[in-house]
Structures are given as structure tokens and as C-alpha cells.
Protein backbone atom coordinates (compact mmCIF):
# COMPACT_ATOMS: atom_id res chain seq x y z
CA MET A 1 60.56 -113.12 -51.90
CA ASN A 2 58.24 -110.68 -50.13
CA SER A 3 58.70 -110.70 -46.33
CA ASP A 4 54.93 -111.10 -45.79
CA ILE A 5 54.94 -114.21 -47.94
CA GLN A 6 57.96 -115.56 -46.04
CA LYS A 7 56.10 -115.00 -42.75
CA ALA A 8 53.01 -116.75 -44.09
CA ILE A 9 55.09 -119.72 -45.23
CA ALA A 10 56.78 -119.91 -41.82
CA ILE A 11 53.36 -119.96 -40.12
CA ILE A 12 52.11 -122.68 -42.45
CA ASP A 13 55.27 -124.74 -41.88
CA GLN A 14 54.78 -124.43 -38.11
CA ARG A 15 51.14 -125.52 -38.38
CA ILE A 16 52.14 -128.51 -40.50
CA SER A 17 54.75 -129.44 -37.90
CA ASN A 18 52.16 -129.16 -35.12
CA LEU A 19 49.70 -131.31 -37.05
CA MET A 20 52.38 -133.94 -37.69
CA ASP A 21 53.12 -134.01 -33.94
CA ILE A 22 49.43 -134.57 -33.21
CA ARG A 23 49.25 -137.27 -35.89
CA ASN A 24 52.24 -139.07 -34.42
CA LYS A 25 50.81 -138.86 -30.89
CA LEU A 26 47.52 -140.36 -32.07
CA THR A 27 49.34 -143.15 -33.84
CA ASP A 28 51.43 -143.86 -30.73
CA GLU A 29 48.35 -143.76 -28.48
CA PHE A 30 46.01 -145.89 -30.58
CA GLY A 31 48.49 -148.05 -32.46
CA GLY A 32 48.58 -148.92 -36.09
CA VAL A 33 50.80 -147.83 -38.88
CA PRO A 34 49.84 -144.42 -40.25
CA ALA A 35 49.09 -144.21 -43.93
CA PRO A 36 51.68 -142.22 -45.86
CA ILE A 37 50.83 -138.59 -46.43
CA ARG A 38 50.40 -137.71 -50.06
CA SER A 39 50.50 -134.13 -51.18
CA ALA A 40 47.70 -132.84 -53.32
CA ILE A 41 49.26 -130.89 -56.12
CA VAL A 42 47.07 -129.12 -58.58
CA HIS A 43 48.96 -128.37 -61.75
CA PRO A 44 47.96 -125.23 -63.59
CA ILE A 45 47.36 -125.36 -67.32
CA THR A 46 47.28 -122.47 -69.67
CA SER A 47 43.87 -121.19 -70.61
CA SER A 48 42.63 -122.10 -74.03
CA GLY A 49 41.06 -118.68 -74.37
CA ASP A 50 37.56 -120.16 -74.36
CA GLY A 51 36.64 -118.68 -71.01
CA SER A 52 37.04 -121.97 -69.15
CA GLY A 53 40.02 -120.75 -67.14
CA ASN A 54 39.95 -118.39 -64.21
CA GLY A 55 41.50 -115.50 -66.07
CA ASN A 56 45.08 -115.94 -64.90
CA GLY A 57 46.05 -118.92 -67.02
CA ASN A 58 45.07 -121.59 -64.49
CA GLN A 59 42.49 -124.27 -65.04
CA SER A 60 39.07 -123.77 -63.50
CA ARG A 61 38.13 -125.45 -60.23
CA LYS A 62 35.75 -127.72 -62.15
CA GLU A 63 38.62 -128.79 -64.39
CA GLN A 64 40.83 -129.33 -61.33
CA LEU A 65 38.17 -131.50 -59.69
CA ALA A 66 37.61 -133.50 -62.86
CA LYS A 67 41.36 -134.02 -63.24
CA PHE A 68 41.64 -135.14 -59.61
CA LEU A 69 38.84 -137.69 -60.01
CA ILE A 70 40.24 -138.99 -63.30
CA GLU A 71 43.72 -139.40 -61.83
CA ASN A 72 42.61 -140.82 -58.46
CA GLY A 73 39.49 -142.72 -59.47
CA PRO A 74 36.09 -142.52 -57.79
CA SER A 75 36.49 -140.90 -54.37
CA LYS A 76 34.46 -140.12 -51.29
CA ARG A 77 33.84 -136.45 -50.58
CA GLY A 78 36.13 -136.54 -47.53
CA THR A 79 39.00 -137.84 -49.64
CA ILE A 80 38.37 -135.17 -52.26
CA ASN A 81 38.30 -132.48 -49.55
CA GLU A 82 41.51 -133.77 -48.01
CA LYS A 83 43.63 -134.45 -51.06
CA SER A 84 42.45 -132.33 -54.00
CA GLY A 85 43.68 -128.95 -52.79
CA ILE A 86 40.31 -127.41 -53.66
CA PRO A 87 38.36 -125.53 -50.95
CA LYS A 88 35.57 -127.61 -49.32
CA GLY A 89 32.82 -125.17 -50.21
CA THR A 90 33.89 -125.16 -53.83
CA ILE A 91 33.91 -128.96 -53.91
CA ALA A 92 30.41 -129.12 -52.42
CA ASN A 93 29.17 -126.63 -55.01
CA LEU A 94 30.82 -128.39 -57.95
CA LEU A 95 29.64 -131.88 -57.01
CA ASN A 96 26.05 -130.64 -57.19
CA LYS A 97 26.48 -129.49 -60.79
CA ASP A 98 26.41 -131.38 -64.06
CA GLY A 99 29.63 -133.19 -64.82
CA PHE A 100 29.93 -135.24 -61.63
CA VAL A 101 28.00 -138.26 -60.42
CA ARG A 102 27.94 -140.31 -57.23
CA ARG A 103 27.98 -144.08 -57.57
CA HIS A 104 28.21 -146.46 -54.63
CA GLY A 105 28.98 -143.55 -52.30
CA LYS A 106 31.91 -142.25 -54.35
CA TRP A 107 32.07 -139.31 -56.73
CA THR A 108 33.38 -139.56 -60.27
CA VAL A 109 33.25 -137.65 -63.54
CA ALA A 110 29.91 -138.19 -65.28
CA GLU A 111 29.98 -139.98 -68.59
CA THR A 112 27.03 -137.92 -69.80
CA SER A 113 25.58 -134.59 -68.79
CA SER A 114 22.77 -136.18 -66.74
CA SER A 115 22.10 -134.98 -63.22
CA ALA A 116 25.36 -135.11 -61.30
CA THR A 117 23.79 -135.52 -57.88
CA GLN A 118 21.71 -138.56 -58.69
CA GLU A 119 22.77 -141.70 -56.83
CA THR A 120 22.99 -144.61 -59.24
CA THR A 121 23.41 -148.33 -58.74
CA HIS A 122 25.14 -149.29 -61.98
């Protein structure tokens, strides 16, 4: 493995360790049992050749977001940001496009191609 990549991984591991220390201190200070940490893993799929991928064989961000919402059910934006593995700005952009709809404060995959940002009360 490239030494630059090894250094980057070491830095990330250290930051994760620091964040876990902070998390544990907050739990100790304010009580309660912390929720388990679940990793957000985005699995690449091979491109179908229809232009929907990102050019390197991975699914598009829109496909990743749709898959996350299908697998995890309707979710608040904060949960999507935290657990999907997709950059926040990308999530904000995608949720304002057709294909996603907010119902009762949670985002989900739209059943039709109607406006994805419209709040509904169904």
C-alpha cells in the first residue's frame, strides 16, 4: 500500500479514536447508554453502461442515496448525513431533486416522479 495512503489511514484512525474518547466522556458525564455505532457502508455496483454510474464502475450518488433509504426506511436528513457515507452537500442537492420526497419530516424514495421537496401528509 502507498505510504501516503497508510499515513492518511493512520490519521483517520487517530481521529476516530479521539471521537470515541469524546463520546465516552459525554456518556459518562450525562449518563445513559450510548446507542451502538453502525458503520455506513456503501457497496459499489458495476455500471450498466447506461450513463447512470460515475464512470468508474460505482453506482451514482443518487443510486446510493436511494439504496440507503430503501434499506433503512424513511430517515431524517441528520440520520442520512451521519450514516449514509454520502457528503452532506451532495445529500442536500439530491433531496431537492425528483426521486425523493419528505413525509412526516423524514425523507424516502418517491413512488412517482412528482416534486421531491414537497411535504406531504399521506
